[in-house]
Amino acid sequence: MGNGCRTAQTAQTPDKAQDTAAVQQRFAPGAQYIGGRLRSGTSGRSHTVTDPATGREVLTYELAGTADVDAAVAAARDAFPAWAGATPAERSDALHRFAAVLAEQAEDLARAESLQCGKPLRLTREFDVPGTVDNTAFFAGAARHLQGQSAGEYSADHTSYVRREPIGVVGSIAPWNYPLQMAAWKILPAVAAGNTIVLKPAELTPLTSLMFAQAATEAGIPDGVVNIVTGAGRDAGEHLVSHPDVAMTSFTGSTAVGRRVAELATATVKRLHLELGGKAPFVVFDDADLEAAVHGAVAGALINTGQDCTAATRAYVQRPLYDAFVEQVAALMATVRLGDPYAAGTDLGPLVSRAQRDRVAGFVDRARAYATVVTGGEVPGGELAAGAYYPPTLVAGAAQDSEIVQSEVFGPVLAVLPFDTDDEGLALADDTPYGLAASAWTRGVYRAGRATRELKAGCVWINDHIPIISEMPHGGYRASGFGKDMSPYSFEEYTQVKHVMFDNTAVARKDWHRTVFGGR
């Protein structure tokens, strides 16, 4: 492999073979989860889940058709009255049991996520699965705190208060990059607030979404509250978003597809939440801790093989640190080990598919015409050739308006550009259509404060990049969408607010009636 990037062993291990067999046995009845049971799809078309590290088949299943979506929505609609009528304590108790079941199944979930996505087991065991369990535990507690505004006499003759009520059936669509976590982000706030849900995961990576729904049933959450339809976007996805019995849609994915989802949802006047693409800037001021910034940039760019909407993709480095930053990032990237996701020594797994690998390679290949590929940029051969691998790649010298700087690559690629003044650095950082996440690196409290105010992004880190927590919201500005996942703020998406007003006077003829009756 070129550019000094190291490799770990990629041969199929006995554990992976056993896990593949277990997946095939588990989902033999089908890959749709409707009304508390697995069933086969009825579209007449099948799809194969492939291990992106080897190209081997994991599971072939029948895709959902419109009839499956109708059945899932009907199951969710039938389950809604009882679930919405449950007390907050009852829903909270169910979610606490859910978190416990997920914790018991943590290793199975980690292996399935690694198998379908190509994520190193280290990542799924230490990030994807624990984060999902924690998110479930958080919403178990938050389910008890869905208060409206406290009562008060805002009019002298009336007492007003606000109720928060569930919306109804939610139809959500999740992406392939974090299948388990995205299933949790969509399902948990919806059901904690008393809604029922139909989730369509990406057909590339449905396994852990299905396992998540099965775990909900095992925890005692009633049949029909959580349903999964696994089908193609243009069939199952569009039918779900357009369905007249779906009251709200939440979508995570690309901005282009988000526009189509918005078009379909608004046709039936649905509540809509969109978490879309990102192109996160990583701004390094000249007083930054260079070692911390270098390690933060490499980790932030390579997390999940760069398939993360908040990944560091554009590093802007103030000129006094620029050359050293480029040199040290390139050197650190070269130490990252690509290999079998099940191997203990693997740092970076493959991209989710060969199609995605080729898309990423295309961005870098086109960039050679106007920029310098400092390290990486070559599809590996040898024992990695069977998988969808792509090396950590650093691109320097690109113009601000170039494709590699402006477009979402969604791979292990970092572009680095210099800047001179603070004004310039912050202006460049905001100079894309996106606004999901950003970070600034400085020892100066005033510089840090200015960055948090001026960077147009839903999350701004100071001297770090990537960490998220269940208690804080996640969502974007501008072309990165609107609305929030996680945290109590997510309930704003999944509840509707009702004003209730009581008359306090017991007077039949109100003073305001004169506007209608005059003096009578």
Protein backbone atom coordinates (compact mmCIF):
# COMPACT_ATOMS: atom_id res chain seq x y z
CA MET A 1 0.00 0.00 0.00
CA GLY A 2 1.32 3.43 -0.94
CA ASN A 3 2.27 6.40 1.23
CA GLY A 4 3.36 4.35 4.21
CA CYS A 5 -0.14 3.52 5.54
CA ARG A 6 -0.04 0.32 7.57
CA THR A 7 -2.32 -2.70 7.15
CA ALA A 8 -3.77 -5.21 9.57
CA GLN A 9 -4.70 -8.81 8.73
CA THR A 10 -7.89 -9.15 6.64
CA ALA A 11 -8.48 -12.90 6.33
CA GLN A 12 -11.98 -14.04 7.32
CA THR A 13 -11.94 -15.09 10.95
CA PRO A 14 -14.00 -17.92 12.48
CA ASP A 15 -15.88 -15.33 14.55
CA LYS A 16 -16.99 -13.47 11.43
CA ALA A 17 -18.16 -16.68 9.76
CA GLN A 18 -20.14 -17.60 12.86
CA ASP A 19 -21.65 -14.14 13.08
CA THR A 20 -22.72 -14.28 9.44
CA ALA A 21 -24.43 -17.61 10.03
CA ALA A 22 -26.16 -16.23 13.13
CA VAL A 23 -27.47 -13.23 11.18
CA GLN A 24 -28.82 -15.47 8.43
CA GLN A 25 -30.59 -17.68 10.96
CA ARG A 26 -31.99 -14.74 12.92
CA PHE A 27 -33.48 -13.02 9.87
CA ALA A 28 -34.59 -16.11 7.98
CA PRO A 29 -38.25 -15.04 8.43
CA GLY A 30 -37.51 -11.72 6.72
CA ALA A 31 -36.13 -8.25 7.28
CA GLN A 32 -39.35 -6.35 8.00
CA TYR A 33 -40.42 -5.91 11.63
CA ILE A 34 -44.12 -5.08 11.78
CA GLY A 35 -46.43 -5.41 14.75
CA GLY A 36 -43.83 -7.18 16.85
CA ARG A 37 -42.71 -9.89 14.42
CA LEU A 38 -40.39 -10.43 11.49
CA ARG A 39 -41.86 -10.95 8.04
CA SER A 40 -40.64 -10.96 4.47
CA GLY A 41 -40.97 -7.99 2.17
CA THR A 42 -43.48 -8.06 -0.69
CA SER A 43 -41.84 -5.83 -3.29
CA GLY A 44 -40.72 -8.77 -5.39
CA ARG A 45 -37.14 -7.54 -5.26
CA SER A 46 -34.30 -8.64 -3.03
CA HIS A 47 -31.20 -6.95 -1.65
CA THR A 48 -27.93 -8.37 -0.38
CA VAL A 49 -26.17 -7.01 2.70
CA THR A 50 -22.45 -7.30 1.98
CA ASP A 51 -19.47 -7.28 4.32
CA PRO A 52 -17.57 -4.24 2.96
CA ALA A 53 -14.28 -5.61 4.28
CA THR A 54 -14.41 -8.74 2.13
CA GLY A 55 -17.18 -8.32 -0.43
CA ARG A 56 -18.83 -11.49 0.93
CA GLU A 57 -22.58 -11.88 1.31
CA VAL A 58 -23.97 -11.47 4.81
CA LEU A 59 -27.74 -11.63 4.19
CA THR A 60 -30.06 -11.55 1.20
CA TYR A 61 -33.60 -10.44 2.00
CA GLU A 62 -36.80 -9.33 0.27
CA LEU A 63 -37.25 -5.58 0.16
CA ALA A 64 -40.34 -3.86 1.51
CA GLY A 65 -42.98 -2.70 -0.91
CA THR A 66 -45.79 -0.22 -0.45
CA ALA A 67 -48.03 -2.90 1.06
CA ASP A 68 -45.46 -3.48 3.80
CA VAL A 69 -45.34 0.24 4.55
CA ASP A 70 -49.13 0.30 4.75
CA ALA A 71 -49.08 -2.65 7.16
CA ALA A 72 -46.42 -1.02 9.36
CA VAL A 73 -48.28 2.29 9.48
CA ALA A 74 -51.51 0.46 10.34
CA ALA A 75 -49.74 -1.38 13.18
CA ALA A 76 -48.34 1.90 14.49
CA ARG A 77 -51.72 3.62 14.17
CA ASP A 78 -53.46 0.81 16.09
CA ALA A 79 -50.83 0.89 18.86
CA PHE A 80 -50.92 4.67 19.23
CA PRO A 81 -53.95 5.23 21.50
CA ALA A 82 -52.76 2.89 24.25
CA TRP A 83 -49.12 4.00 24.09
CA ALA A 84 -50.04 7.70 24.01
CA GLY A 85 -52.38 7.07 26.94
CA ALA A 86 -49.71 5.40 29.05
CA THR A 87 -48.39 7.53 31.89
CA PRO A 88 -44.92 9.06 31.61
CA ALA A 89 -43.83 6.69 34.37
CA GLU A 90 -45.04 3.66 32.42
CA ARG A 91 -43.21 4.74 29.27
CA SER A 92 -40.13 5.54 31.35
CA ASP A 93 -40.15 2.11 32.98
CA ALA A 94 -40.41 0.43 29.57
CA LEU A 95 -37.46 2.43 28.26
CA HIS A 96 -35.37 1.59 31.32
CA ARG A 97 -36.04 -2.10 30.60
CA PHE A 98 -35.14 -1.42 26.98
CA ALA A 99 -31.77 0.04 27.98
CA ALA A 100 -31.08 -3.04 30.13
CA VAL A 101 -31.89 -5.42 27.25
CA LEU A 102 -29.61 -3.48 24.92
CA ALA A 103 -26.80 -3.62 27.47
CA GLU A 104 -27.20 -7.39 27.71
CA GLN A 105 -27.02 -7.69 23.92
CA ALA A 106 -24.15 -5.23 23.51
CA GLU A 107 -21.65 -7.69 22.01
CA ASP A 108 -24.16 -9.06 19.49
CA LEU A 109 -25.04 -5.52 18.43
CA ALA A 110 -21.37 -4.52 18.14
CA ARG A 111 -20.55 -7.50 15.93
CA ALA A 112 -23.58 -7.04 13.68
CA GLU A 113 -22.80 -3.35 13.25
CA SER A 114 -19.20 -4.14 12.35
CA LEU A 115 -20.23 -6.90 9.96
CA GLN A 116 -22.65 -4.78 7.90
CA CYS A 117 -20.77 -1.47 8.01
CA GLY A 118 -17.10 -2.45 8.12
CA LYS A 119 -16.54 -0.51 11.35
CA PRO A 120 -13.69 -1.77 13.54
CA LEU A 121 -15.03 -3.68 16.52
CA ARG A 122 -13.16 -1.22 18.71
CA LEU A 123 -15.43 1.54 17.39
CA THR A 124 -18.71 -0.36 17.68
CA ARG A 125 -17.86 -1.67 21.16
CA GLU A 126 -16.63 1.65 22.53
CA PHE A 127 -18.74 4.20 20.63
CA ASP A 128 -21.79 2.99 18.68
CA VAL A 129 -23.24 0.53 21.17
CA PRO A 130 -22.46 2.30 24.49
CA GLY A 131 -23.74 5.54 23.00
CA THR A 132 -26.99 3.85 22.03
CA VAL A 133 -27.45 2.31 25.47
CA ASP A 134 -26.78 5.67 27.10
CA ASN A 135 -29.20 7.42 24.75
CA THR A 136 -31.89 4.90 25.68
CA ALA A 137 -31.25 5.40 29.39
CA PHE A 138 -31.38 9.18 28.92
CA PHE A 139 -34.78 9.08 27.22
CA ALA A 140 -36.06 6.69 29.87
CA GLY A 141 -35.51 9.53 32.33
CA ALA A 142 -36.59 12.29 29.98
CA ALA A 143 -39.93 10.55 29.34
CA ARG A 144 -41.03 11.74 32.81
CA HIS A 145 -40.32 15.40 32.05
CA LEU A 146 -42.62 16.42 29.22
CA GLN A 147 -44.08 19.42 30.97
CA GLY A 148 -45.75 22.33 29.30
CA GLN A 149 -45.62 25.87 30.65
CA SER A 150 -46.91 26.19 34.21
CA ALA A 151 -50.43 27.45 34.77
CA GLY A 152 -51.08 31.14 35.25
CA GLU A 153 -53.60 33.94 34.92
CA TYR A 154 -52.28 35.68 31.84
CA SER A 155 -55.76 37.17 31.44
CA ALA A 156 -57.44 38.44 34.60
CA ASP A 157 -60.51 36.30 33.92
CA HIS A 158 -58.81 33.06 32.83
CA THR A 159 -56.28 30.44 33.83
CA SER A 160 -54.08 29.13 31.03
CA TYR A 161 -51.74 26.21 30.79
CA VAL A 162 -49.93 24.31 28.06
CA ARG A 163 -50.13 20.60 27.33
CA ARG A 164 -47.53 18.65 25.38
CA GLU A 165 -49.14 15.87 23.40
CA PRO A 166 -47.74 13.20 21.08
CA ILE A 167 -48.21 13.79 17.38
CA GLY A 168 -49.24 10.30 16.27
CA VAL A 169 -47.50 7.96 13.86
CA VAL A 170 -43.97 9.07 12.98
CA GLY A 171 -42.37 7.94 9.72
CA SER A 172 -38.58 8.21 9.88
CA ILE A 173 -35.73 7.45 7.51
CA ALA A 174 -32.21 6.74 8.77
CA PRO A 175 -28.86 6.59 6.92
CA TRP A 176 -26.28 3.83 6.56
CA ASN A 177 -23.31 5.39 8.35
CA TYR A 178 -24.45 4.85 11.97
CA PRO A 179 -27.38 2.43 11.61
CA LEU A 180 -27.78 1.55 15.28
CA GLN A 181 -27.28 5.04 16.65
CA MET A 182 -29.51 6.61 14.02
CA ALA A 183 -32.26 4.11 14.78
CA ALA A 184 -32.00 5.15 18.42
CA TRP A 185 -31.97 8.86 17.61
CA LYS A 186 -35.16 8.47 15.57
CA ILE A 187 -37.05 5.98 17.72
CA LEU A 188 -36.28 7.04 21.29
CA PRO A 189 -37.57 10.64 21.45
CA ALA A 190 -40.60 9.65 19.39
CA VAL A 191 -41.71 6.81 21.66
CA ALA A 192 -40.64 8.56 24.88
CA ALA A 193 -43.07 11.34 23.95
CA GLY A 194 -45.90 8.84 23.37
CA ASN A 195 -45.74 8.46 19.60
CA THR A 196 -45.48 5.25 17.62
CA ILE A 197 -43.04 4.92 14.76
CA VAL A 198 -42.21 3.28 11.45
CA LEU A 199 -38.49 3.53 10.67
CA LYS A 200 -36.95 2.86 7.29
CA PRO A 201 -33.23 2.15 7.69
CA ALA A 202 -30.88 2.14 4.72
CA GLU A 203 -31.24 -1.10 2.80
CA LEU A 204 -27.42 -1.45 2.89
CA THR A 205 -27.33 -1.74 6.68
CA PRO A 206 -30.63 -2.88 8.23
CA LEU A 207 -29.39 -5.47 10.72
CA THR A 208 -28.96 -3.47 13.91
CA SER A 209 -32.11 -1.41 13.35
CA LEU A 210 -34.05 -4.68 13.27
CA MET A 211 -32.22 -5.94 16.36
CA PHE A 212 -33.00 -2.66 18.12
CA ALA A 213 -36.72 -3.10 17.39
CA GLN A 214 -36.63 -6.71 18.56
CA ALA A 215 -34.98 -5.59 21.79
CA ALA A 216 -37.80 -3.09 22.31
CA THR A 217 -40.31 -5.93 22.11
CA GLU A 218 -38.24 -8.05 24.52
CA ALA A 219 -38.30 -5.13 26.95
CA GLY A 220 -42.10 -5.14 26.95
CA ILE A 221 -42.76 -2.18 24.64
CA PRO A 222 -46.10 -3.11 23.02
CA ASP A 223 -46.30 -4.55 19.53
CA GLY A 224 -46.75 -1.87 16.89
CA VAL A 225 -45.02 0.91 18.82
CA VAL A 226 -41.75 0.30 16.95
CA ASN A 227 -41.84 -0.97 13.37
CA ILE A 228 -39.10 -1.35 10.75
CA VAL A 229 -39.55 -1.44 6.98
CA THR A 230 -36.44 -2.18 4.98
CA GLY A 231 -36.84 -1.09 1.40
CA ALA A 232 -35.61 1.21 -1.32
CA GLY A 233 -35.98 4.95 -0.88
CA ARG A 234 -38.01 5.56 -4.04
CA ASP A 235 -40.49 2.84 -3.10
CA ALA A 236 -40.79 2.28 0.64
CA GLY A 237 -39.25 5.61 1.66
CA GLU A 238 -41.36 7.87 -0.51
CA HIS A 239 -44.53 5.95 0.30
CA LEU A 240 -43.80 6.28 4.02
CA VAL A 241 -43.19 10.03 3.84
CA SER A 242 -46.32 10.53 1.71
CA HIS A 243 -48.58 8.29 3.77
CA PRO A 244 -51.69 10.14 4.94
CA ASP A 245 -51.66 8.40 8.33
CA VAL A 246 -48.09 9.51 9.09
CA ALA A 247 -48.22 12.75 11.06
CA MET A 248 -44.51 13.58 11.20
CA THR A 249 -41.34 12.72 9.27
CA SER A 250 -37.77 12.75 10.51
CA PHE A 251 -35.00 12.23 7.96
CA THR A 252 -31.24 11.99 8.26
CA GLY A 253 -29.24 11.88 5.04
CA SER A 254 -27.94 13.99 2.20
CA THR A 255 -29.20 17.49 1.52
CA ALA A 256 -30.29 16.49 -1.99
CA VAL A 257 -32.52 13.68 -0.72
CA GLY A 258 -33.67 15.91 2.14
CA ARG A 259 -35.11 18.33 -0.40
CA ARG A 260 -37.16 15.49 -1.91
CA VAL A 261 -38.36 14.39 1.53
CA ALA A 262 -39.41 17.97 2.28
CA GLU A 263 -41.30 18.17 -1.00
CA LEU A 264 -43.24 14.98 -0.22
CA ALA A 265 -43.89 15.83 3.43
CA THR A 266 -45.19 19.31 2.76
CA ALA A 267 -47.69 17.95 0.25
CA THR A 268 -49.56 16.41 3.18
CA VAL A 269 -48.64 19.18 5.66
CA LYS A 270 -46.55 16.96 7.92
CA ARG A 271 -44.30 18.04 10.76
CA LEU A 272 -40.75 17.73 9.41
CA HIS A 273 -37.30 17.30 10.94
CA LEU A 274 -34.24 17.20 8.68
CA GLU A 275 -30.63 16.41 9.67
CA LEU A 276 -28.71 16.74 6.44
CA GLY A 277 -25.17 16.98 5.09
CA GLY A 278 -22.20 18.69 6.60
CA LYS A 279 -18.77 20.01 5.71
CA ALA A 280 -17.34 20.75 9.13
CA PRO A 281 -14.52 23.32 9.38
CA PHE A 282 -11.62 22.79 11.77
CA VAL A 283 -10.10 26.22 12.51
CA VAL A 284 -6.60 26.30 14.00
CA PHE A 285 -5.45 29.68 15.29
CA ASP A 286 -1.76 30.48 15.71
CA ASP A 287 -1.89 30.15 19.51
CA ALA A 288 -3.33 26.62 19.41
CA ASP A 289 -1.71 23.58 20.99
CA LEU A 290 -0.32 22.14 17.76
CA GLU A 291 -0.02 18.57 19.01
CA ALA A 292 -3.62 18.60 20.22
CA ALA A 293 -4.82 20.10 16.93
CA VAL A 294 -2.94 17.53 14.84
CA HIS A 295 -4.32 14.60 16.79
CA GLY A 296 -7.79 16.16 16.85
CA ALA A 297 -7.74 16.69 13.09
CA VAL A 298 -6.72 13.12 12.29
CA ALA A 299 -9.22 11.59 14.71
CA GLY A 300 -11.96 14.01 13.66
CA ALA A 301 -11.40 13.38 9.96
CA LEU A 302 -11.10 9.59 10.19
CA ILE A 303 -13.84 8.70 12.68
CA ASN A 304 -16.03 6.02 11.07
CA THR A 305 -13.71 6.16 8.03
CA GLY A 306 -14.84 9.76 7.52
CA GLN A 307 -18.47 8.70 7.00
CA ASP A 308 -19.78 11.17 9.55
CA CYS A 309 -21.71 14.36 8.83
CA THR A 310 -19.77 16.15 11.57
CA ALA A 311 -16.32 14.83 10.58
CA ALA A 312 -13.53 17.37 10.24
CA THR A 313 -13.29 17.90 6.48
CA ARG A 314 -11.79 21.40 6.04
CA ALA A 315 -8.83 22.40 8.20
CA TYR A 316 -8.07 26.14 8.16
CA VAL A 317 -4.70 26.75 9.78
CA GLN A 318 -3.26 30.17 10.55
CA ARG A 319 -0.12 30.60 8.49
CA PRO A 320 2.52 30.43 11.27
CA LEU A 321 1.40 26.86 12.07
CA TYR A 322 0.39 25.76 8.59
CA ASP A 323 3.52 23.96 7.37
CA ALA A 324 4.06 22.11 10.64
CA PHE A 325 0.39 21.13 10.77
CA VAL A 326 0.48 19.67 7.24
CA GLU A 327 3.67 17.76 7.94
CA GLN A 328 2.51 16.34 11.26
CA VAL A 329 -1.00 15.41 10.08
CA ALA A 330 0.46 13.57 7.10
CA ALA A 331 2.90 11.72 9.36
CA LEU A 332 0.18 10.74 11.83
CA MET A 333 -2.20 9.61 9.07
CA ALA A 334 0.54 7.32 7.76
CA THR A 335 0.56 5.40 11.05
CA VAL A 336 -3.16 4.52 10.89
CA ARG A 337 -3.69 0.80 10.29
CA LEU A 338 -6.27 -0.35 7.74
CA GLY A 339 -7.54 -3.90 7.99
CA ASP A 340 -10.11 -6.46 9.05
CA PRO A 341 -12.65 -4.76 11.33
CA TYR A 342 -12.59 -7.82 13.58
CA ALA A 343 -8.80 -7.66 14.04
CA ALA A 344 -7.66 -6.12 17.31
CA GLY A 345 -4.95 -4.04 15.63
CA THR A 346 -7.21 -2.38 13.07
CA ASP A 347 -7.67 1.39 13.36
CA LEU A 348 -9.67 2.05 10.19
CA GLY A 349 -12.08 -0.19 8.35
CA PRO A 350 -13.42 0.04 4.82
CA LEU A 351 -16.03 2.42 3.51
CA VAL A 352 -19.56 1.04 3.50
CA SER A 353 -19.43 -0.16 -0.12
CA ARG A 354 -17.26 -0.19 -3.22
CA ALA A 355 -19.59 2.39 -4.74
CA GLN A 356 -18.86 4.74 -1.84
CA ARG A 357 -15.14 3.98 -2.09
CA ASP A 358 -15.18 4.83 -5.78
CA ARG A 359 -17.10 8.04 -5.09
CA VAL A 360 -14.50 9.16 -2.55
CA ALA A 361 -11.63 8.21 -4.86
CA GLY A 362 -13.25 10.25 -7.62
CA PHE A 363 -13.20 13.42 -5.50
CA VAL A 364 -9.50 12.95 -4.73
CA ASP A 365 -8.56 12.04 -8.30
CA ARG A 366 -10.26 15.16 -9.63
CA ALA A 367 -8.51 17.26 -6.97
CA ARG A 368 -5.09 16.31 -8.36
CA ALA A 369 -5.72 18.79 -11.17
CA TYR A 370 -5.76 21.77 -8.79
CA ALA A 371 -4.27 20.61 -5.45
CA THR A 372 -1.60 18.37 -3.91
CA VAL A 373 -2.40 14.99 -2.39
CA VAL A 374 0.08 15.01 0.48
CA THR A 375 -0.60 11.46 1.67
CA GLY A 376 -3.02 8.69 0.78
CA GLY A 377 -5.19 9.01 -2.29
CA GLU A 378 -4.56 5.53 -3.71
CA VAL A 379 -6.99 2.61 -3.60
CA PRO A 380 -5.06 -0.15 -1.80
CA GLY A 381 -4.28 -3.46 -3.42
CA GLY A 382 -2.97 -6.71 -2.00
CA GLU A 383 -4.94 -8.29 0.82
CA LEU A 384 -7.20 -5.23 1.08
CA ALA A 385 -8.24 -5.28 -2.58
CA ALA A 386 -11.38 -7.34 -1.96
CA GLY A 387 -12.79 -4.72 0.38
CA ALA A 388 -13.96 -1.12 0.02
CA TYR A 389 -10.85 0.35 1.60
CA TYR A 390 -9.48 3.83 1.09
CA PRO A 391 -6.48 5.27 2.97
CA PRO A 392 -6.38 8.39 5.15
CA THR A 393 -5.85 11.22 2.70
CA LEU A 394 -4.65 14.79 3.12
CA VAL A 395 -5.16 17.33 0.34
CA ALA A 396 -3.37 20.71 0.41
CA GLY A 397 -3.35 23.73 -1.88
CA ALA A 398 -6.99 23.57 -2.99
CA ALA A 399 -8.88 26.81 -3.57
CA GLN A 400 -11.78 27.73 -1.32
CA ASP A 401 -14.27 27.37 -4.19
CA SER A 402 -12.96 23.97 -5.32
CA GLU A 403 -15.02 20.80 -5.24
CA ILE A 404 -12.93 19.10 -2.55
CA VAL A 405 -13.50 22.06 -0.20
CA GLN A 406 -17.16 22.75 -0.95
CA SER A 407 -18.71 19.29 -1.46
CA GLU A 408 -19.40 16.56 1.07
CA VAL A 409 -16.91 13.77 0.30
CA PHE A 410 -17.95 11.42 3.14
CA GLY A 411 -14.69 9.55 3.37
CA PRO A 412 -11.29 9.68 5.13
CA VAL A 413 -10.23 12.86 3.36
CA LEU A 414 -9.12 16.15 4.94
CA ALA A 415 -8.48 19.32 2.93
CA VAL A 416 -6.17 21.88 4.54
CA LEU A 417 -5.95 25.59 3.69
CA PRO A 418 -3.99 28.49 5.24
CA PHE A 419 -5.36 31.79 6.49
CA ASP A 420 -3.77 34.98 7.78
CA THR A 421 -6.19 36.97 9.95
CA ASP A 422 -8.84 35.79 12.37
CA ASP A 423 -11.47 37.53 10.25
CA GLU A 424 -10.35 35.57 7.21
CA GLY A 425 -10.25 32.23 9.00
CA LEU A 426 -13.77 32.51 10.39
CA ALA A 427 -15.12 33.80 7.08
CA LEU A 428 -13.61 30.86 5.19
CA ALA A 429 -14.98 28.43 7.76
CA ASP A 430 -18.53 29.69 7.15
CA ASP A 431 -18.14 29.79 3.38
CA THR A 432 -20.08 26.65 2.42
CA PRO A 433 -23.83 26.00 2.29
CA TYR A 434 -23.62 23.73 5.33
CA GLY A 435 -23.78 24.39 9.05
CA LEU A 436 -23.87 21.17 11.05
CA ALA A 437 -20.68 21.31 13.13
CA ALA A 438 -17.38 23.18 13.49
CA SER A 439 -14.43 23.41 15.82
CA ALA A 440 -11.91 26.08 16.78
CA TRP A 441 -8.49 25.48 18.31
CA THR A 442 -6.97 28.21 20.46
CA ARG A 443 -5.64 28.94 23.94
CA GLY A 444 -7.31 32.37 23.89
CA VAL A 445 -10.61 32.72 25.68
CA TYR A 446 -11.68 35.72 23.58
CA ARG A 447 -10.81 33.97 20.32
CA ALA A 448 -12.74 30.93 21.50
CA GLY A 449 -15.73 33.05 22.47
CA ARG A 450 -15.72 34.83 19.13
CA ALA A 451 -15.59 31.50 17.28
CA THR A 452 -18.59 30.14 19.18
CA ARG A 453 -20.58 33.26 18.32
CA GLU A 454 -19.64 33.60 14.66
CA LEU A 455 -19.37 30.04 13.35
CA LYS A 456 -22.74 29.20 11.81
CA ALA A 457 -23.17 25.62 12.96
CA GLY A 458 -25.44 23.65 15.23
CA CYS A 459 -22.48 22.44 17.29
CA VAL A 460 -19.19 24.26 17.89
CA TRP A 461 -16.37 22.54 19.75
CA ILE A 462 -13.42 24.34 21.30
CA ASN A 463 -10.18 22.34 21.31
CA ASP A 464 -11.95 19.12 20.40
CA HIS A 465 -13.97 17.74 17.51
CA ILE A 466 -16.60 14.91 17.37
CA PRO A 467 -17.74 14.12 20.97
CA ILE A 468 -21.50 14.11 21.47
CA ILE A 469 -23.58 13.49 24.59
CA SER A 470 -27.18 12.43 25.08
CA GLU A 471 -28.02 15.52 27.13
CA MET A 472 -27.10 18.01 24.39
CA PRO A 473 -28.88 18.63 21.04
CA HIS A 474 -27.58 17.69 17.61
CA GLY A 475 -28.78 19.47 14.48
CA GLY A 476 -27.78 21.96 11.84
CA TYR A 477 -28.11 25.38 10.33
CA ARG A 478 -28.72 26.30 6.69
CA ALA A 479 -28.39 23.40 4.19
CA SER A 480 -27.63 21.02 7.07
CA GLY A 481 -31.32 21.04 7.98
CA PHE A 482 -33.42 22.00 10.98
CA GLY A 483 -34.65 20.44 14.19
CA LYS A 484 -32.72 18.54 16.87
CA ASP A 485 -31.85 14.97 17.72
CA MET A 486 -31.03 13.90 21.28
CA SER A 487 -31.52 15.97 24.46
CA PRO A 488 -34.81 17.39 25.74
CA TYR A 489 -34.79 19.72 22.72
CA SER A 490 -35.71 16.75 20.51
CA PHE A 491 -39.16 16.67 22.12
CA GLU A 492 -39.91 19.91 20.29
CA GLU A 493 -39.95 17.82 17.11
CA TYR A 494 -42.08 14.97 18.45
CA THR A 495 -44.78 16.77 20.45
CA GLN A 496 -47.45 19.29 19.66
CA VAL A 497 -48.31 22.09 22.05
CA LYS A 498 -51.89 22.77 23.10
CA HIS A 499 -53.06 25.89 24.92
CA VAL A 500 -55.85 25.21 27.41
CA MET A 501 -57.81 28.19 28.83
CA PHE A 502 -60.33 28.07 31.69
CA ASP A 503 -62.84 30.80 32.48
CA ASN A 504 -62.57 31.85 36.13
CA THR A 505 -65.56 34.19 36.36
CA ALA A 506 -68.64 31.96 36.00
CA VAL A 507 -70.27 35.01 34.36
CA ALA A 508 -72.66 34.22 31.50
CA ARG A 509 -72.34 37.58 29.78
CA LYS A 510 -68.66 38.38 29.38
CA ASP A 511 -67.46 41.95 28.99
CA TRP A 512 -65.85 41.13 25.66
CA HIS A 513 -69.24 39.99 24.26
CA ARG A 514 -70.09 43.63 23.64
CA THR A 515 -67.95 43.47 20.51
CA VAL A 516 -70.66 41.21 19.09
CA PHE A 517 -73.84 42.21 20.94
CA GLY A 518 -73.23 45.90 21.48
CA GLY A 519 -75.19 47.18 24.47
CA ARG A 520 -77.68 44.31 24.53
